[in-house]
Amino acid sequence: MKSAQHRHRNAVMVAVVVVVALVLGFAIAYRPAYRYYRQAVSQCIEWGNSFRIEEDHFEAELKADADLISRADASFPKYMDALPTSTISDAERMLDEMNSEGLIGSPSTHQRAQANCSSDRLPTQLRQEGGNFKVDTREAQGTISKLDDEFKPFRMVLFDDDLNETALMRTQVVAVVAGVNGLYDESKGLVADEGLRGKLASEIARVRGDVNDMAIRYSQYVKDQDALYKAADAVVASRNKKEGIDCGHQRCVALTFDDGPNPKTTPELSSLLRSRGAHATFFIMGGNAMPDKSSIASSAHRLDTPIGSHTWSHEDLPKIMKQNDEAQQLDATNKAILDATGHVPNQVRPPHGAVDEASRTYIGQHLGSSVVVYGVDSFDWANGATVSSVKSKVESEVQPGSIVLMHDVYQHTVDAVPRILRDLGSKGYRFVTVPELTGEYPRAGVIYYGRDNILRM
């Protein structure tokens, strides 16, 4: 009898040990498997959307460059010294090749991305599809760069005699000057080399002189903008150096927070970030930056927590452009942020990550701002989101160079942030702003998905 009881007890113990081992094995295997899956989904969506944007940009470039060819042909005698026949014929040949060959991939990339990046596919399939989109995007960028190099001489020559194009470029430069001046003001005492701030101040003063001289033409404004960016980049680099930030070698991540300011959660989050020495970027809605809440935005804004635009009322950018609502949704939001913080924003976060050629062009030309999207979605906005789910989503998808989407208007997000800072910090991550992550001053019309995914104009 005792022997039977003993055997039964041993069998139970063995069974318990097996169950515990299976549970532990599953728990150990689950996290890396979940991380692999989440990264596969997010990268597929990111690079699928990136290629769609580059397709749109390519088509716009082809149309614009065809117009330049027509104008050059029609005005040939006038510009023959700057644009000889060989230059025009070479450009025509390239344009014909581009039109006949098209860009890599099919014309239905957006639908393809939605279908092929569906979360019900195998992680290995998602990884492969994301990799394909990434290769396509990189090749598309090379093609667009060749077009730009070929037709830059045309723009410089023809647009100098085009009052409308000159006025558009002047508008963009005026907006860039305002944003760069904010960097100059805010960086006082925060850079390794104050002499670089002095050089930036000199460039700002010189370019302001140009924008006040109505005799200046398009090509000079292009040079002015390039000079401003060069001087501003030097200040950004000097600021990073003083802070010990080097995202080319460190594990950096940019946490971003949308939809605020909220009178309760935004100050709590802002205080929390500062107490932990964590930098972040906020994107606020114009309707939330009205006088009764402007003090919240003003107290939140600093060089290590810059504030960008998230439209007036969370409308998608393509819809804003179709409805001709730019003045209210974009221009008025910039003014509200300026009134609240004393600084012109230079970054726009598109609601739902939706951006197209028309909206990025407007944002670049009229606001001098960049477009900041994201590669990691915390899903803190989803029904049933919790502290645990937000933490899990972020930590499973984040990689060095990531831009993370979160929202400072949810208490569960604010409560998740300390745990995210702790866990990622223990893995060597540095929490930085978007400009600190990229190492450059935000470029007009450029789209930032992450440090390693920047879609230039």
Protein backbone atom coordinates (compact mmCIF):
# COMPACT_ATOMS: atom_id res chain seq x y z
CA MET A 1 0.00 0.00 0.00
CA LYS A 2 2.74 2.41 0.96
CA SER A 3 4.62 1.50 -2.20
CA ALA A 4 1.59 2.32 -4.33
CA GLN A 5 1.12 5.63 -2.54
CA HIS A 6 4.79 6.40 -2.98
CA ARG A 7 4.62 5.68 -6.71
CA HIS A 8 1.51 7.83 -7.02
CA ARG A 9 3.20 10.71 -5.16
CA ASN A 10 6.25 10.46 -7.40
CA ALA A 11 4.08 10.40 -10.50
CA VAL A 12 2.26 13.54 -9.32
CA MET A 13 5.55 15.27 -8.60
CA VAL A 14 6.91 14.34 -12.01
CA ALA A 15 3.74 15.63 -13.64
CA VAL A 16 3.99 18.91 -11.71
CA VAL A 17 7.64 19.29 -12.70
CA VAL A 18 6.77 18.64 -16.36
CA VAL A 19 3.92 21.18 -16.28
CA VAL A 20 6.12 23.81 -14.61
CA ALA A 21 8.88 23.14 -17.11
CA LEU A 22 6.45 23.50 -20.00
CA VAL A 23 5.05 26.74 -18.59
CA LEU A 24 8.52 28.15 -18.01
CA GLY A 25 9.64 27.02 -21.44
CA PHE A 26 6.64 28.69 -23.03
CA ALA A 27 7.23 31.90 -21.06
CA ILE A 28 10.89 31.96 -22.03
CA ALA A 29 10.13 31.31 -25.70
CA TYR A 30 7.10 33.62 -25.86
CA ARG A 31 8.85 36.95 -25.44
CA PRO A 32 11.41 36.63 -28.23
CA ALA A 33 8.77 35.06 -30.49
CA TYR A 34 6.34 37.90 -29.78
CA ARG A 35 9.08 40.47 -30.31
CA TYR A 36 10.01 38.88 -33.64
CA TYR A 37 6.37 38.94 -34.74
CA ARG A 38 5.70 42.55 -33.66
CA GLN A 39 8.85 43.82 -35.34
CA ALA A 40 7.94 41.94 -38.51
CA VAL A 41 4.50 43.60 -38.64
CA SER A 42 5.73 47.12 -37.85
CA GLN A 43 8.65 46.98 -40.31
CA CYS A 44 6.45 45.67 -43.10
CA ILE A 45 3.96 48.51 -42.59
CA GLU A 46 6.68 51.16 -42.22
CA TRP A 47 8.57 50.22 -45.38
CA GLY A 48 5.39 49.54 -47.35
CA ASN A 49 4.17 53.06 -46.56
CA SER A 50 7.63 54.48 -47.26
CA PHE A 51 7.67 52.99 -50.74
CA ARG A 52 4.17 54.29 -51.46
CA ILE A 53 5.31 57.79 -50.51
CA GLU A 54 8.38 57.50 -52.73
CA GLU A 55 6.18 56.31 -55.62
CA ASP A 56 4.03 59.42 -55.26
CA HIS A 57 7.12 61.61 -55.08
CA PHE A 58 8.60 59.98 -58.18
CA GLU A 59 5.44 60.64 -60.20
CA ALA A 60 5.39 64.28 -59.06
CA GLU A 61 9.06 64.66 -59.99
CA LEU A 62 8.48 63.24 -63.47
CA LYS A 63 5.69 65.73 -64.15
CA ALA A 64 7.66 68.66 -62.81
CA ASP A 65 10.78 67.71 -64.76
CA ALA A 66 8.80 67.25 -67.99
CA ASP A 67 7.56 70.81 -67.52
CA LEU A 68 11.15 72.01 -67.05
CA ILE A 69 12.16 70.35 -70.34
CA SER A 70 9.30 72.05 -72.16
CA ARG A 71 10.22 75.42 -70.72
CA ALA A 72 13.89 74.96 -71.56
CA ASP A 73 13.05 74.00 -75.16
CA ALA A 74 10.70 76.95 -75.57
CA SER A 75 13.23 79.43 -74.19
CA PHE A 76 16.38 77.80 -75.53
CA PRO A 77 18.06 80.84 -77.13
CA LYS A 78 17.76 82.75 -73.87
CA TYR A 79 19.37 80.03 -71.74
CA MET A 80 21.70 78.37 -74.22
CA ASP A 81 24.84 79.28 -72.26
CA ALA A 82 23.54 77.86 -68.96
CA LEU A 83 21.62 74.97 -70.55
CA PRO A 84 23.36 73.85 -73.75
CA THR A 85 21.64 71.44 -76.14
CA SER A 86 23.62 68.49 -74.77
CA THR A 87 22.32 69.14 -71.25
CA ILE A 88 18.74 69.32 -72.48
CA SER A 89 19.03 66.22 -74.66
CA ASP A 90 20.61 64.21 -71.82
CA ALA A 91 17.79 65.23 -69.49
CA GLU A 92 15.17 64.35 -72.12
CA ARG A 93 16.73 60.92 -72.57
CA MET A 94 16.68 60.24 -68.83
CA LEU A 95 13.08 61.40 -68.58
CA ASP A 96 12.02 59.10 -71.43
CA GLU A 97 13.75 56.14 -69.74
CA MET A 98 12.13 56.89 -66.40
CA ASN A 99 8.68 57.22 -67.95
CA SER A 100 9.00 53.94 -69.85
CA GLU A 101 10.55 51.91 -67.03
CA GLY A 102 8.67 53.46 -64.13
CA LEU A 103 9.64 52.89 -60.53
CA ILE A 104 10.23 49.48 -58.98
CA GLY A 105 7.10 47.58 -58.04
CA SER A 106 3.47 47.79 -59.06
CA PRO A 107 1.25 50.89 -59.16
CA SER A 108 -0.87 49.44 -56.35
CA THR A 109 1.76 49.50 -53.63
CA HIS A 110 -0.57 50.90 -50.97
CA GLN A 111 -3.09 48.08 -51.42
CA ARG A 112 -0.22 45.58 -51.65
CA ALA A 113 1.23 46.84 -48.36
CA GLN A 114 -2.13 46.59 -46.62
CA ALA A 115 -2.69 43.04 -47.85
CA ASN A 116 0.85 41.72 -47.51
CA CYS A 117 1.43 43.27 -44.07
CA SER A 118 -1.70 41.78 -42.55
CA SER A 119 -1.10 40.62 -38.98
CA ASP A 120 -2.54 37.17 -39.72
CA ARG A 121 0.44 36.27 -41.93
CA LEU A 122 3.43 34.29 -40.71
CA PRO A 123 6.21 36.37 -39.15
CA THR A 124 8.71 35.01 -41.69
CA GLN A 125 6.45 36.17 -44.53
CA LEU A 126 6.07 39.60 -42.95
CA ARG A 127 9.84 39.88 -42.51
CA GLN A 128 10.43 39.00 -46.14
CA GLU A 129 7.78 41.43 -47.38
CA GLY A 130 9.14 44.22 -45.19
CA GLY A 131 12.62 43.50 -46.49
CA ASN A 132 11.36 43.66 -50.06
CA PHE A 133 9.68 47.01 -49.44
CA LYS A 134 12.86 48.32 -47.82
CA VAL A 135 14.98 47.33 -50.84
CA ASP A 136 12.41 48.87 -53.18
CA THR A 137 12.39 52.10 -51.15
CA ARG A 138 16.18 52.38 -51.16
CA GLU A 139 16.32 51.82 -54.93
CA ALA A 140 13.52 54.34 -55.45
CA GLN A 141 15.46 56.91 -53.44
CA GLY A 142 18.48 56.35 -55.68
CA THR A 143 16.36 56.85 -58.80
CA ILE A 144 14.79 60.04 -57.45
CA SER A 145 18.24 61.34 -56.47
CA LYS A 146 19.47 60.83 -60.04
CA LEU A 147 16.49 62.78 -61.36
CA ASP A 148 17.13 65.57 -58.89
CA ASP A 149 20.80 65.84 -59.82
CA GLU A 150 19.98 65.88 -63.53
CA PHE A 151 17.35 68.60 -63.30
CA LYS A 152 18.82 70.82 -60.59
CA PRO A 153 20.58 73.03 -63.20
CA PHE A 154 17.23 73.52 -64.93
CA ARG A 155 15.54 74.67 -61.75
CA MET A 156 18.35 77.04 -60.84
CA VAL A 157 18.27 78.72 -64.26
CA LEU A 158 14.58 78.70 -65.14
CA PHE A 159 13.21 79.46 -61.68
CA ASP A 160 15.42 82.52 -61.33
CA ASP A 161 13.16 84.12 -63.95
CA ASP A 162 9.98 82.71 -62.43
CA LEU A 163 8.52 85.12 -59.90
CA ASN A 164 6.08 82.53 -58.54
CA GLU A 165 8.76 79.89 -57.90
CA THR A 166 11.03 82.53 -56.38
CA ALA A 167 8.21 83.66 -54.08
CA LEU A 168 7.53 80.07 -52.96
CA MET A 169 11.18 79.50 -52.18
CA ARG A 170 11.35 82.80 -50.31
CA THR A 171 8.31 81.76 -48.22
CA GLN A 172 10.03 78.51 -47.33
CA VAL A 173 13.28 80.23 -46.38
CA VAL A 174 11.43 82.78 -44.21
CA ALA A 175 9.79 79.87 -42.34
CA VAL A 176 13.12 78.03 -41.97
CA VAL A 177 14.76 81.20 -40.61
CA ALA A 178 12.08 81.45 -37.93
CA GLY A 179 12.58 77.84 -36.87
CA VAL A 180 16.37 78.03 -36.91
CA ASN A 181 16.22 81.21 -34.86
CA GLY A 182 14.34 79.23 -32.21
CA LEU A 183 17.21 76.72 -32.12
CA TYR A 184 19.65 79.59 -31.65
CA ASP A 185 17.66 81.05 -28.74
CA GLU A 186 17.07 77.76 -26.96
CA SER A 187 20.60 76.40 -27.30
CA LYS A 188 22.29 79.16 -25.31
CA GLY A 189 24.63 77.56 -22.77
CA LEU A 190 23.66 74.07 -23.96
CA VAL A 191 26.30 73.47 -26.64
CA ALA A 192 29.92 72.37 -26.46
CA ASP A 193 31.09 75.22 -28.71
CA GLU A 194 29.35 78.59 -28.35
CA GLY A 195 31.23 79.78 -31.43
CA LEU A 196 28.93 77.61 -33.55
CA ARG A 197 25.94 79.51 -32.21
CA GLY A 198 27.68 82.68 -33.27
CA LYS A 199 28.07 81.34 -36.81
CA LEU A 200 24.41 80.40 -36.84
CA ALA A 201 23.46 83.91 -35.72
CA SER A 202 25.54 85.36 -38.55
CA GLU A 203 23.82 83.15 -41.12
CA ILE A 204 20.39 84.07 -39.76
CA ALA A 205 21.22 87.78 -40.04
CA ARG A 206 22.62 87.40 -43.56
CA VAL A 207 19.64 85.40 -44.84
CA ARG A 208 17.20 87.83 -43.25
CA GLY A 209 18.88 90.50 -45.34
CA ASP A 210 18.30 88.42 -48.46
CA VAL A 211 14.60 87.80 -47.78
CA ASN A 212 14.14 91.55 -47.38
CA ASP A 213 15.78 92.19 -50.75
CA MET A 214 13.18 91.66 -53.47
CA ALA A 215 15.92 91.46 -56.10
CA ILE A 216 17.07 88.11 -54.75
CA ARG A 217 16.08 85.15 -56.91
CA TYR A 218 15.33 81.45 -56.50
CA SER A 219 18.87 80.06 -56.75
CA GLN A 220 20.16 82.38 -54.02
CA TYR A 221 17.36 81.34 -51.69
CA VAL A 222 18.32 77.69 -52.26
CA LYS A 223 21.88 78.52 -51.27
CA ASP A 224 20.62 80.48 -48.25
CA GLN A 225 18.59 77.53 -47.02
CA ASP A 226 21.52 75.13 -47.46
CA ALA A 227 23.74 77.50 -45.45
CA LEU A 228 21.15 77.75 -42.67
CA TYR A 229 20.85 73.97 -42.44
CA LYS A 230 24.62 73.54 -42.35
CA ALA A 231 24.97 76.05 -39.50
CA ALA A 232 21.97 74.61 -37.63
CA ASP A 233 23.29 71.05 -37.99
CA ALA A 234 26.55 72.15 -36.42
CA VAL A 235 24.64 73.49 -33.39
CA VAL A 236 22.60 70.26 -33.12
CA ALA A 237 25.86 68.24 -33.23
CA SER A 238 27.47 70.49 -30.63
CA ARG A 239 24.43 70.13 -28.38
CA ASN A 240 24.58 66.34 -28.76
CA LYS A 241 28.29 66.38 -27.97
CA LYS A 242 27.74 68.30 -24.73
CA GLU A 243 24.94 65.90 -23.76
CA GLY A 244 27.05 62.87 -24.65
CA ILE A 245 24.56 61.82 -27.33
CA ASP A 246 25.91 59.85 -30.30
CA CYS A 247 23.07 57.92 -31.90
CA GLY A 248 25.38 56.57 -34.59
CA HIS A 249 26.98 54.41 -31.89
CA GLN A 250 24.52 54.46 -28.98
CA ARG A 251 21.16 52.71 -28.67
CA CYS A 252 18.90 55.75 -29.06
CA VAL A 253 15.12 55.91 -29.20
CA ALA A 254 12.83 58.91 -29.65
CA LEU A 255 9.63 58.77 -27.59
CA THR A 256 6.94 61.04 -29.05
CA PHE A 257 3.60 62.03 -27.52
CA ASP A 258 0.54 63.22 -29.45
CA ASP A 259 -2.84 64.91 -28.85
CA GLY A 260 -2.01 67.12 -25.86
CA PRO A 261 -1.72 69.20 -23.92
CA ASN A 262 -3.93 67.69 -21.25
CA PRO A 263 -4.21 69.71 -17.99
CA LYS A 264 -3.58 66.65 -15.82
CA THR A 265 -1.47 64.11 -17.70
CA THR A 266 0.83 66.38 -19.72
CA PRO A 267 2.40 68.19 -16.73
CA GLU A 268 2.71 64.84 -14.92
CA LEU A 269 4.49 63.27 -17.89
CA SER A 270 6.69 66.31 -18.49
CA SER A 271 7.81 66.33 -14.86
CA LEU A 272 8.43 62.59 -14.95
CA LEU A 273 10.62 62.79 -18.07
CA ARG A 274 12.71 65.61 -16.61
CA SER A 275 13.20 63.81 -13.32
CA ARG A 276 14.58 60.81 -15.23
CA GLY A 277 16.70 62.88 -17.62
CA ALA A 278 14.73 61.52 -20.56
CA HIS A 279 14.21 63.68 -23.64
CA ALA A 280 11.05 63.39 -25.76
CA THR A 281 9.09 65.20 -28.47
CA PHE A 282 5.49 66.42 -28.09
CA PHE A 283 3.01 67.01 -30.91
CA ILE A 284 0.03 69.07 -29.80
CA MET A 285 -3.24 70.00 -31.46
CA GLY A 286 -3.94 73.66 -32.11
CA GLY A 287 -7.34 73.45 -30.45
CA ASN A 288 -5.62 72.28 -27.27
CA ALA A 289 -3.12 75.14 -27.30
CA MET A 290 -5.71 77.84 -26.72
CA PRO A 291 -5.15 80.47 -23.97
CA ASP A 292 -6.66 78.37 -21.18
CA LYS A 293 -4.12 75.61 -21.85
CA SER A 294 -1.22 77.58 -23.30
CA SER A 295 0.64 77.63 -19.97
CA ILE A 296 0.80 73.82 -20.10
CA ALA A 297 2.39 73.88 -23.54
CA SER A 298 4.74 76.68 -22.51
CA SER A 299 5.96 74.81 -19.43
CA ALA A 300 6.39 71.58 -21.40
CA HIS A 301 8.43 73.14 -24.22
CA ARG A 302 12.22 73.06 -23.91
CA LEU A 303 15.07 72.03 -26.18
CA ASP A 304 14.96 68.53 -24.68
CA THR A 305 11.15 68.35 -25.03
CA PRO A 306 10.33 70.28 -28.25
CA ILE A 307 6.74 70.80 -29.34
CA GLY A 308 5.52 70.17 -32.88
CA SER A 309 2.17 70.43 -34.66
CA HIS A 310 -0.48 67.70 -34.76
CA THR A 311 -3.00 69.79 -36.78
CA TRP A 312 -5.83 71.79 -35.25
CA SER A 313 -8.36 69.00 -34.74
CA HIS A 314 -6.68 65.72 -35.70
CA GLU A 315 -7.68 65.74 -39.39
CA ASP A 316 -5.70 63.52 -41.78
CA LEU A 317 -3.29 65.56 -43.90
CA PRO A 318 -4.57 64.28 -47.30
CA LYS A 319 -8.11 65.25 -46.27
CA ILE A 320 -6.93 68.69 -45.17
CA MET A 321 -5.36 69.28 -48.58
CA LYS A 322 -8.43 68.06 -50.50
CA GLN A 323 -10.69 70.35 -48.48
CA ASN A 324 -8.29 73.33 -48.81
CA ASP A 325 -8.26 73.61 -45.03
CA GLU A 326 -4.52 74.25 -44.63
CA ALA A 327 -4.98 77.72 -43.13
CA GLN A 328 -7.02 76.46 -40.16
CA GLN A 329 -5.54 73.00 -39.61
CA LEU A 330 -1.84 73.79 -40.19
CA ASP A 331 -1.16 77.53 -40.27
CA ALA A 332 -3.38 78.35 -37.30
CA THR A 333 -1.88 75.49 -35.29
CA ASN A 334 1.61 76.85 -35.85
CA LYS A 335 0.48 80.27 -34.68
CA ALA A 336 -1.19 78.80 -31.59
CA ILE A 337 2.03 76.96 -30.69
CA LEU A 338 4.07 80.12 -31.31
CA ASP A 339 1.74 82.12 -29.06
CA ALA A 340 1.90 79.46 -26.34
CA THR A 341 5.64 78.72 -26.38
CA GLY A 342 7.27 81.73 -28.04
CA HIS A 343 8.84 79.43 -30.66
CA VAL A 344 7.87 78.41 -34.18
CA PRO A 345 7.43 74.62 -34.48
CA ASN A 346 9.50 72.88 -37.14
CA GLN A 347 7.95 69.40 -37.00
CA VAL A 348 4.49 68.11 -37.95
CA ARG A 349 3.08 64.75 -36.84
CA PRO A 350 0.42 63.57 -39.32
CA PRO A 351 -2.69 62.16 -37.60
CA HIS A 352 -2.85 58.39 -38.14
CA GLY A 353 0.52 58.64 -39.92
CA ALA A 354 -1.28 59.67 -43.13
CA VAL A 355 0.83 61.88 -45.42
CA ASP A 356 0.91 62.39 -49.19
CA GLU A 357 2.86 64.40 -51.74
CA ALA A 358 0.56 67.42 -51.56
CA SER A 359 0.66 67.69 -47.76
CA ARG A 360 4.42 67.21 -47.40
CA THR A 361 4.97 69.83 -50.11
CA TYR A 362 2.72 72.35 -48.38
CA ILE A 363 4.28 71.69 -44.98
CA GLY A 364 7.75 72.17 -46.46
CA GLN A 365 7.09 75.21 -48.62
CA HIS A 366 4.75 77.18 -46.36
CA LEU A 367 5.78 76.11 -42.86
CA GLY A 368 9.42 75.15 -43.40
CA SER A 369 8.64 72.07 -41.31
CA SER A 370 9.46 68.39 -41.47
CA VAL A 371 6.99 65.51 -41.18
CA VAL A 372 7.63 63.07 -38.32
CA VAL A 373 5.95 59.69 -38.59
CA TYR A 374 6.99 56.62 -36.54
CA GLY A 375 8.15 53.04 -36.81
CA VAL A 376 6.75 51.84 -33.47
CA ASP A 377 3.08 52.21 -32.51
CA SER A 378 2.36 51.68 -28.81
CA PHE A 379 -1.37 51.15 -29.53
CA ASP A 380 -2.09 53.10 -26.35
CA TRP A 381 -5.06 54.59 -28.23
CA ALA A 382 -6.75 51.20 -28.77
CA ASN A 383 -9.80 50.04 -26.82
CA GLY A 384 -8.71 48.06 -23.79
CA ALA A 385 -5.15 49.44 -23.78
CA THR A 386 -3.44 49.09 -20.40
CA VAL A 387 -0.14 49.93 -18.78
CA SER A 388 1.00 46.39 -19.47
CA SER A 389 -0.09 46.36 -23.14
CA VAL A 390 1.57 49.71 -23.88
CA LYS A 391 4.80 48.60 -22.24
CA SER A 392 4.74 45.27 -24.08
CA LYS A 393 4.08 46.80 -27.51
CA VAL A 394 6.84 49.40 -27.19
CA GLU A 395 9.47 47.07 -25.77
CA SER A 396 8.77 44.33 -28.30
CA GLU A 397 9.02 46.58 -31.36
CA VAL A 398 11.67 49.13 -30.43
CA GLN A 399 15.10 49.04 -32.06
CA PRO A 400 18.01 51.48 -32.00
CA GLY A 401 16.95 54.51 -34.05
CA SER A 402 13.19 54.00 -33.55
CA ILE A 403 10.61 56.77 -33.30
CA VAL A 404 7.80 55.64 -30.96
CA LEU A 405 4.18 56.84 -31.13
CA MET A 406 2.46 57.41 -27.78
CA HIS A 407 -0.15 59.83 -26.41
CA ASP A 408 0.25 62.04 -23.36
CA VAL A 409 -3.53 62.32 -22.87
CA TYR A 410 -3.95 58.80 -21.46
CA GLN A 411 -3.20 58.03 -17.82
CA HIS A 412 -2.26 54.44 -18.66
CA THR A 413 0.39 55.76 -21.04
CA VAL A 414 1.84 58.10 -18.44
CA ASP A 415 1.88 55.23 -15.94
CA ALA A 416 3.64 52.97 -18.46
CA VAL A 417 6.45 55.43 -19.21
CA PRO A 418 8.48 54.86 -15.98
CA ARG A 419 8.52 51.12 -16.66
CA ILE A 420 9.53 51.67 -20.29
CA LEU A 421 12.32 54.02 -19.22
CA ARG A 422 13.51 51.49 -16.65
CA ASP A 423 13.42 48.43 -18.89
CA LEU A 424 14.88 50.01 -22.04
CA GLY A 425 17.35 52.00 -19.95
CA SER A 426 18.65 48.75 -18.46
CA LYS A 427 19.32 47.59 -22.02
CA GLY A 428 21.43 50.65 -22.76
CA TYR A 429 18.86 52.80 -24.53
CA ARG A 430 19.18 56.59 -24.54
CA PHE A 431 15.97 58.64 -24.74
CA VAL A 432 16.33 61.55 -27.15
CA THR A 433 14.35 64.03 -29.23
CA VAL A 434 13.81 63.48 -32.94
CA PRO A 435 16.53 66.02 -33.98
CA GLU A 436 18.92 64.44 -31.47
CA LEU A 437 18.12 61.03 -32.96
CA THR A 438 18.74 62.08 -36.57
CA GLY A 439 21.62 64.41 -35.75
CA GLU A 440 20.24 67.13 -38.00
CA TYR A 441 17.97 70.15 -37.91
CA PRO A 442 14.51 69.12 -39.24
CA ARG A 443 14.37 69.61 -43.03
CA ALA A 444 11.44 71.21 -44.83
CA GLY A 445 9.17 68.58 -46.36
CA VAL A 446 11.38 65.67 -45.32
CA ILE A 447 9.64 62.66 -43.73
CA TYR A 448 11.26 60.99 -40.73
CA TYR A 449 10.23 57.42 -39.88
CA GLY A 450 13.37 56.76 -37.82
CA ARG A 451 17.09 57.40 -37.84
CA ASP A 452 17.60 54.90 -40.66
CA ASN A 453 14.49 55.74 -42.66
CA ILE A 454 14.44 59.35 -43.86
CA LEU A 455 12.50 60.24 -47.02
CA ARG A 456 14.03 63.39 -48.51
CA MET A 457 12.50 65.78 -51.01
